[in-house]
Protein backbone atom coordinates (compact mmCIF):
# COMPACT_ATOMS: atom_id res chain seq x y z
CA MET A 1 21.33 -8.69 -59.54
CA LEU A 2 19.11 -10.10 -56.90
CA LYS A 3 16.04 -7.96 -56.75
CA PRO A 4 12.69 -8.39 -56.45
CA LEU A 5 10.25 -8.19 -59.28
CA ARG A 6 6.80 -6.33 -59.86
CA LEU A 7 4.14 -8.55 -61.55
CA GLY A 8 0.62 -6.38 -61.87
CA ALA A 9 -0.41 -5.87 -58.47
CA PHE A 10 2.33 -8.49 -56.60
CA THR A 11 5.64 -7.77 -55.79
CA LEU A 12 7.84 -10.91 -55.93
CA PRO A 13 10.47 -11.51 -53.10
CA ASN A 14 13.15 -12.13 -55.95
CA ASN A 15 13.80 -13.06 -59.24
CA LEU A 16 14.36 -16.74 -59.30
CA PHE A 17 11.61 -18.70 -60.91
CA VAL A 18 10.81 -22.57 -60.91
CA ALA A 19 9.73 -23.60 -63.79
CA PRO A 20 6.30 -25.25 -64.76
CA MET A 21 7.14 -29.01 -65.43
CA ALA A 22 4.23 -31.43 -66.11
CA GLY A 23 4.08 -34.30 -63.48
CA VAL A 24 6.98 -32.38 -61.47
CA THR A 25 5.96 -28.63 -60.46
CA ASP A 26 2.78 -29.92 -58.01
CA ARG A 27 1.75 -27.88 -55.25
CA PRO A 28 4.23 -29.81 -52.45
CA PHE A 29 7.07 -29.16 -54.68
CA ARG A 30 6.51 -25.29 -55.50
CA THR A 31 5.88 -24.82 -52.13
CA LEU A 32 9.31 -26.71 -51.15
CA CYS A 33 11.07 -24.43 -53.76
CA ARG A 34 9.71 -21.40 -52.44
CA ARG A 35 10.47 -22.16 -49.08
CA LEU A 36 13.85 -22.80 -50.12
CA GLY A 37 14.82 -19.99 -51.98
CA ALA A 38 12.47 -19.29 -55.19
CA GLY A 39 10.62 -16.04 -55.67
CA HIS A 40 8.17 -17.40 -57.80
CA ALA A 41 6.74 -20.81 -59.23
CA VAL A 42 4.33 -21.79 -62.29
CA SER A 43 2.29 -24.54 -61.88
CA GLU A 44 1.99 -27.31 -64.19
CA MET A 45 0.12 -26.77 -67.12
CA VAL A 46 -3.72 -27.34 -66.81
CA THR A 47 -5.49 -28.60 -70.44
CA SER A 48 -8.03 -25.74 -71.63
CA ARG A 49 -10.44 -28.67 -72.30
CA ARG A 50 -13.61 -28.46 -70.57
CA GLU A 51 -14.73 -31.80 -70.65
CA LEU A 52 -11.29 -32.69 -68.38
CA TRP A 53 -11.53 -29.99 -65.86
CA ASN A 54 -13.31 -32.66 -63.59
CA SER A 55 -10.52 -35.51 -64.22
CA LEU A 56 -8.45 -36.12 -61.45
CA LYS A 57 -4.69 -35.16 -62.73
CA THR A 58 -6.95 -31.60 -63.57
CA SER A 59 -8.30 -31.14 -60.18
CA ARG A 60 -5.04 -32.41 -58.26
CA ARG A 61 -3.53 -29.62 -60.59
CA ALA A 62 -6.00 -26.99 -59.94
CA ASP A 63 -5.55 -27.51 -56.01
CA HIS A 64 -3.86 -24.95 -54.36
CA ALA A 65 -4.71 -25.17 -50.43
CA GLY A 66 -2.13 -23.63 -48.30
CA GLU A 67 -0.08 -22.33 -50.99
CA PRO A 68 1.12 -19.13 -50.60
CA GLY A 69 0.70 -16.44 -52.90
CA PRO A 70 0.45 -15.49 -55.96
CA ILE A 71 -0.63 -18.40 -57.41
CA ALA A 72 0.21 -18.83 -60.98
CA VAL A 73 -1.17 -21.58 -62.67
CA GLN A 74 -0.33 -22.57 -66.81
CA ILE A 75 -3.18 -23.11 -68.98
CA ALA A 76 -2.28 -25.08 -72.46
CA GLY A 77 -4.80 -24.87 -75.88
CA VAL A 78 -5.28 -24.21 -78.72
CA ASP A 79 -8.97 -22.46 -79.01
CA PRO A 80 -8.78 -18.54 -77.86
CA ALA A 81 -12.29 -18.93 -76.16
CA GLU A 82 -11.22 -22.49 -74.38
CA MET A 83 -8.47 -20.96 -72.91
CA ALA A 84 -10.49 -17.70 -71.98
CA ASP A 85 -12.61 -20.03 -69.89
CA ALA A 86 -9.46 -21.96 -68.73
CA ALA A 87 -8.35 -18.81 -67.03
CA LEU A 88 -11.29 -17.99 -65.42
CA TYR A 89 -11.79 -21.84 -64.12
CA ASN A 90 -8.81 -21.52 -62.81
CA ILE A 91 -9.21 -18.00 -61.19
CA ASP A 92 -12.46 -19.02 -59.44
CA ARG A 93 -9.92 -22.04 -57.77
CA GLY A 94 -7.40 -20.04 -56.94
CA ALA A 95 -4.85 -18.90 -59.66
CA GLN A 96 -3.77 -15.30 -59.18
CA ILE A 97 -1.66 -15.03 -62.46
CA ILE A 98 -2.41 -16.64 -65.50
CA ASP A 99 0.49 -18.28 -67.74
CA ILE A 100 -0.18 -19.16 -71.49
CA ASN A 101 2.02 -22.27 -72.29
CA MET A 102 3.52 -21.93 -75.80
CA GLY A 103 7.09 -23.27 -74.83
CA CYS A 104 6.22 -27.28 -74.30
CA PRO A 105 7.82 -29.95 -76.72
CA ALA A 106 6.00 -32.97 -76.28
CA LYS A 107 4.91 -34.40 -79.32
CA LYS A 108 1.30 -35.40 -77.69
CA VAL A 109 1.07 -31.38 -76.85
CA CYS A 110 2.32 -30.05 -80.43
CA LYS A 111 0.27 -32.66 -82.36
CA ALA A 112 -2.84 -31.07 -80.85
CA TRP A 113 -1.33 -27.76 -82.37
CA ALA A 114 -0.79 -26.75 -78.36
CA GLY A 115 2.46 -25.71 -76.76
CA SER A 116 5.42 -24.35 -79.01
CA ALA A 117 3.29 -25.95 -82.08
CA LEU A 118 1.16 -22.54 -81.63
CA MET A 119 4.10 -20.51 -82.96
CA GLN A 120 3.78 -21.90 -86.19
CA ASP A 121 0.42 -20.06 -86.58
CA GLU A 122 1.22 -16.56 -85.27
CA ARG A 123 -2.38 -15.22 -85.74
CA LEU A 124 -4.17 -18.01 -83.64
CA ALA A 125 -1.01 -17.89 -80.59
CA ILE A 126 -1.85 -13.93 -80.44
CA ALA A 127 -5.41 -14.54 -80.82
CA ILE A 128 -5.32 -16.43 -77.59
CA VAL A 129 -3.52 -13.84 -76.06
CA GLU A 130 -5.90 -11.64 -76.97
CA ALA A 131 -8.88 -13.62 -75.49
CA VAL A 132 -7.19 -14.61 -72.29
CA VAL A 133 -6.11 -10.89 -71.15
CA ALA A 134 -9.63 -9.92 -72.03
CA ALA A 135 -10.82 -12.54 -69.12
CA CYS A 136 -8.58 -11.77 -66.81
CA ALA A 137 -8.30 -8.00 -66.69
CA PRO A 138 -11.86 -7.34 -65.07
CA ARG A 139 -10.64 -9.22 -62.37
CA GLY A 140 -7.39 -7.88 -61.90
CA VAL A 141 -5.61 -11.23 -62.92
CA PRO A 142 -1.97 -10.69 -65.16
CA VAL A 143 -1.33 -12.63 -68.15
CA THR A 144 2.11 -14.27 -68.93
CA LEU A 145 3.56 -16.23 -71.93
CA LYS A 146 6.09 -18.67 -72.31
CA MET A 147 7.61 -19.36 -76.07
CA ARG A 148 10.81 -21.12 -77.52
CA THR A 149 12.62 -19.03 -79.36
CA GLY A 150 10.49 -20.64 -82.59
CA TRP A 151 9.48 -24.14 -83.90
CA CYS A 152 13.20 -24.44 -85.66
CA ALA A 153 16.46 -22.59 -86.47
CA ALA A 154 14.71 -21.18 -89.52
CA ALA A 155 11.62 -19.86 -87.79
CA LYS A 156 12.78 -18.31 -84.71
CA ASN A 157 10.01 -15.90 -84.72
CA ALA A 158 9.98 -15.37 -80.71
CA PRO A 159 11.44 -11.54 -81.42
CA VAL A 160 8.10 -11.40 -83.55
CA LEU A 161 5.29 -13.28 -81.66
CA ALA A 162 6.60 -11.00 -78.09
CA ARG A 163 6.40 -7.73 -79.34
CA ALA A 164 2.97 -9.00 -80.05
CA ALA A 165 2.01 -10.09 -77.33
CA GLN A 166 3.14 -7.26 -75.18
CA ASP A 167 0.93 -5.31 -77.50
CA ALA A 168 -2.31 -7.77 -76.43
CA GLY A 169 -1.24 -6.87 -73.08
CA ILE A 170 0.93 -9.91 -71.10
CA ALA A 171 2.79 -8.68 -68.31
CA LEU A 172 5.73 -10.55 -68.75
CA LEU A 173 7.15 -12.94 -70.86
CA THR A 174 9.62 -16.24 -70.03
CA VAL A 175 11.64 -17.51 -73.03
CA HIS A 176 13.56 -20.97 -73.46
CA GLY A 177 16.45 -20.39 -75.57
CA ARG A 178 15.68 -23.36 -77.64
CA THR A 179 13.36 -24.31 -80.48
CA ARG A 180 11.00 -26.99 -80.31
CA GLU A 181 12.73 -29.08 -82.91
CA GLN A 182 15.71 -28.99 -80.73
CA GLY A 183 13.50 -30.32 -77.37
CA TYR A 184 15.60 -30.35 -74.11
CA GLY A 185 19.04 -31.60 -76.47
CA GLY A 186 21.53 -29.25 -77.36
CA ILE A 187 22.65 -26.18 -75.20
CA ALA A 188 20.39 -23.64 -74.54
CA GLU A 189 21.14 -20.06 -76.57
CA HIS A 190 20.59 -16.76 -74.96
CA GLU A 191 21.53 -14.51 -77.86
CA THR A 192 18.03 -14.21 -79.15
CA VAL A 193 16.17 -14.24 -75.31
CA ALA A 194 18.33 -10.79 -75.05
CA ALA A 195 17.48 -9.32 -78.51
CA ILE A 196 13.83 -10.36 -77.33
CA LYS A 197 14.29 -8.24 -73.86
CA ALA A 198 16.43 -5.18 -75.56
CA ALA A 199 13.07 -4.48 -77.98
CA LEU A 200 10.63 -4.80 -74.88
CA ARG A 201 8.88 -2.72 -72.23
CA ILE A 202 7.96 -5.60 -70.01
CA PRO A 203 10.16 -8.22 -67.76
CA VAL A 204 12.00 -10.77 -69.67
CA VAL A 205 12.68 -13.96 -67.89
CA ALA A 206 15.43 -16.33 -69.38
CA ASN A 207 15.03 -20.14 -69.29
CA GLY A 208 17.11 -22.92 -70.46
CA ASP A 209 20.56 -24.48 -69.17
CA ILE A 210 20.44 -22.41 -65.42
CA ALA A 211 22.45 -25.01 -63.83
CA SER A 212 24.53 -23.38 -61.04
CA PRO A 213 24.94 -19.97 -59.77
CA GLU A 214 27.91 -18.78 -61.94
CA ARG A 215 25.45 -19.50 -64.83
CA ALA A 216 22.50 -17.62 -63.29
CA ALA A 217 24.37 -14.80 -63.07
CA GLU A 218 25.93 -14.72 -66.24
CA VAL A 219 23.01 -15.23 -68.36
CA LEU A 220 21.55 -12.34 -66.18
CA ARG A 221 24.57 -10.29 -67.54
CA ALA A 222 24.87 -11.69 -70.63
CA THR A 223 21.11 -10.99 -71.31
CA GLY A 224 19.83 -8.44 -69.23
CA CYS A 225 16.62 -10.22 -68.35
CA ASP A 226 15.04 -9.28 -65.65
CA ALA A 227 14.88 -13.04 -63.99
CA VAL A 228 15.88 -16.62 -64.21
CA MET A 229 13.88 -20.05 -64.44
CA ILE A 230 15.38 -22.62 -63.33
CA GLY A 231 13.91 -26.10 -64.24
CA ARG A 232 15.89 -29.41 -64.56
CA ALA A 233 18.61 -28.34 -61.96
CA ALA A 234 15.91 -27.82 -59.24
CA GLN A 235 14.91 -31.51 -59.51
CA GLY A 236 16.53 -33.34 -56.36
CA ARG A 237 17.69 -29.75 -55.53
CA PRO A 238 15.38 -27.51 -54.15
CA TRP A 239 17.82 -25.43 -52.78
CA ILE A 240 19.25 -24.54 -55.71
CA PHE A 241 17.12 -21.05 -55.72
CA GLY A 242 19.03 -20.15 -52.14
CA ASP A 243 22.23 -21.03 -53.52
CA ILE A 244 21.85 -18.47 -56.63
CA ALA A 245 20.65 -16.46 -54.43
CA HIS A 246 23.34 -15.98 -51.64
CA PHE A 247 25.78 -16.11 -55.13
CA LEU A 248 23.83 -12.74 -56.84
CA GLU A 249 23.91 -10.50 -53.57
CA HIS A 250 27.57 -12.02 -51.86
CA GLY A 251 29.38 -13.30 -54.74
CA THR A 252 30.58 -16.64 -53.15
CA HIS A 253 29.13 -19.75 -53.07
CA ARG A 254 27.49 -20.77 -49.55
CA LEU A 255 28.31 -24.29 -48.03
CA PRO A 256 26.25 -26.97 -49.00
CA PRO A 257 23.59 -28.11 -46.74
CA THR A 258 23.85 -30.89 -44.79
CA VAL A 259 22.76 -34.34 -45.10
CA ALA A 260 20.23 -34.04 -41.71
CA GLU A 261 18.34 -30.79 -43.69
CA VAL A 262 18.35 -32.48 -46.90
CA ARG A 263 16.57 -35.32 -45.17
CA SER A 264 14.39 -33.30 -43.53
CA TRP A 265 13.12 -31.29 -46.78
CA LEU A 266 13.08 -34.40 -48.66
CA LEU A 267 10.86 -37.03 -46.11
CA GLU A 268 8.45 -33.10 -45.75
CA HIS A 269 8.24 -33.20 -49.47
CA LEU A 270 7.07 -36.68 -49.57
CA HIS A 271 4.73 -36.66 -47.26
CA ASP A 272 3.01 -33.53 -48.78
CA HIS A 273 3.09 -35.04 -52.12
CA LEU A 274 1.41 -38.18 -50.51
CA ALA A 275 -1.04 -35.84 -49.24
CA LEU A 276 -2.21 -34.60 -52.33
CA HIS A 277 -2.15 -37.66 -54.28
CA GLY A 278 -2.79 -40.60 -52.34
CA GLU A 279 -0.56 -43.38 -51.47
CA PHE A 280 -1.61 -45.43 -54.79
CA SER A 281 -0.54 -43.24 -56.77
CA GLY A 282 1.82 -41.06 -54.71
CA VAL A 283 4.20 -43.77 -53.60
CA ARG A 284 4.88 -44.19 -57.28
CA SER A 285 5.42 -40.87 -58.75
CA ALA A 286 7.24 -39.65 -55.57
CA ARG A 287 10.11 -42.21 -56.98
CA LYS A 288 11.27 -39.51 -59.38
CA HIS A 289 11.35 -37.03 -57.14
CA ILE A 290 13.92 -39.75 -54.76
CA GLY A 291 15.86 -40.75 -57.74
CA TRP A 292 16.55 -37.36 -57.87
CA ALA A 293 17.71 -36.21 -54.87
CA VAL A 294 19.90 -39.13 -54.37
CA ARG A 295 21.86 -39.08 -57.60
CA GLY A 296 25.42 -38.87 -57.35
CA LEU A 297 25.61 -39.17 -53.74
CA PRO A 298 27.18 -43.09 -52.47
CA GLY A 299 24.74 -45.60 -52.88
CA GLY A 300 22.22 -43.83 -54.26
CA GLU A 301 22.01 -45.74 -57.00
CA CYS A 302 21.31 -48.41 -54.97
CA LEU A 303 18.59 -46.52 -52.93
CA ARG A 304 16.84 -45.47 -56.07
CA GLN A 305 16.67 -49.76 -57.71
CA HIS A 306 15.30 -50.58 -54.14
CA ILE A 307 12.83 -47.59 -53.94
CA ASN A 308 11.23 -48.58 -57.52
CA THR A 309 10.39 -51.90 -55.91
CA LEU A 310 8.41 -50.38 -52.81
CA ASP A 311 4.77 -49.77 -52.91
CA ASP A 312 4.20 -49.02 -49.72
CA ALA A 313 4.16 -45.67 -48.40
CA ARG A 314 5.76 -46.62 -44.67
CA ALA A 315 8.33 -48.46 -46.40
CA GLN A 316 9.36 -45.42 -49.05
CA HIS A 317 9.75 -43.24 -45.98
CA ASP A 318 12.01 -46.01 -43.71
CA ALA A 319 13.88 -46.47 -47.02
CA VAL A 320 14.55 -42.70 -47.26
CA ALA A 321 15.33 -41.69 -43.68
CA ALA A 322 17.94 -44.98 -43.34
CA PHE A 323 19.19 -43.80 -46.09
CA PHE A 324 20.21 -40.32 -44.76
CA ASP A 325 20.90 -41.84 -41.64
CA THR A 326 23.28 -43.77 -42.91
CA LEU A 327 24.93 -41.28 -44.96
CA GLY A 328 24.81 -39.14 -42.37
CA ALA A 329 27.23 -41.09 -40.31
CA THR A 330 30.00 -40.65 -42.41
CA ARG A 331 29.53 -37.04 -43.59
CA GLU A 332 27.66 -33.43 -42.65
CA ARG A 333 27.20 -31.99 -45.71
CA LEU A 334 25.90 -33.36 -49.44
CA PRO A 335 29.02 -33.12 -51.61
CA LEU A 336 29.74 -29.38 -53.23
CA ALA A 337 28.58 -31.22 -56.91
CA VAL A 338 25.35 -33.27 -57.30
CA THR A 339 25.02 -34.45 -60.85
CA PRO A 340 22.09 -32.47 -62.16
CA ALA A 341 18.66 -34.33 -63.45
CA ALA A 342 19.41 -35.80 -66.94
CA ASN A 343 18.42 -34.80 -70.03
CA ASP A 344 15.41 -36.75 -71.82
CA ASP A 345 12.14 -36.44 -73.51
CA ASP A 346 9.88 -37.55 -70.33
CA THR A 347 7.04 -34.89 -70.87
CA GLU A 348 6.22 -35.85 -67.25
CA ALA A 349 9.52 -34.45 -66.07
CA LEU A 350 10.33 -31.37 -68.29
CA ALA A 351 9.99 -28.09 -68.44
CA ALA A 352 7.70 -26.42 -70.98
């Protein structure tokens, strides 16, 4: 079930995708996940509002310096013309694939009728798709779409929207197996995703509650989907893509990474994170990545609490290095199972 996937002019090396997560999937995190086995990664969502394009947050999200291609950027907004302009703005800054956000359940996004709120207005949703596809087509840039199963249980209109979006020219569709009403609660269902896959000609990607190699295989098998997208399970555990790839290819689990490997990956990630965000913001935004990485490890909670008191990059680096040096003195490899990131409603840490 592990296979390359064609998307426009690109051949992705495998069908394991990193989900776009606001405040998480910046360039350093995407690059690390791809190095550790992911075949594709979509950026944090970039606003379509022109007046915000020069903001520090947007400029960082549109920074693709040194990022391996193809570079996929997710855009969010409610106006077709603005969304088309946003697509071109990001193409000019290196985007090679444009993804439309119709899946984010965050209140501040849906309040502006963006994200998953667009699923309530099918005419507007398809007008946005048509405008973005029309803007991207002359540049040879494929457009993808991410949505949920619907706004609520009584309005699961993803199958209808999916067919209309395919007819409007999207190249690939990702479906999170929850409604907006569910947020990240409950259990993702993939029956709706399977029905969408059966009805479409384009590649379909399943997203939601895929946190282990077995679950990835189960979802691929049950839905017939072309790929799976992983979000929260990759937080603090970016090697999960390599774990899944090995399982899909060989049917067996590979050994957990060594403590030394995780130490090296995390410190490299912190270095790249600080280079992008600067020391003041970077030290603070790196705290969640460190917390996820040590979740469930002996002494991990104590380190997390200590890290949250540090404002200095060198002190943060040294504390993480010392933690893994101590852990490595007692064991060679990480435990077989590390607790994944918790469910919560923090839009700055969740997949759209």
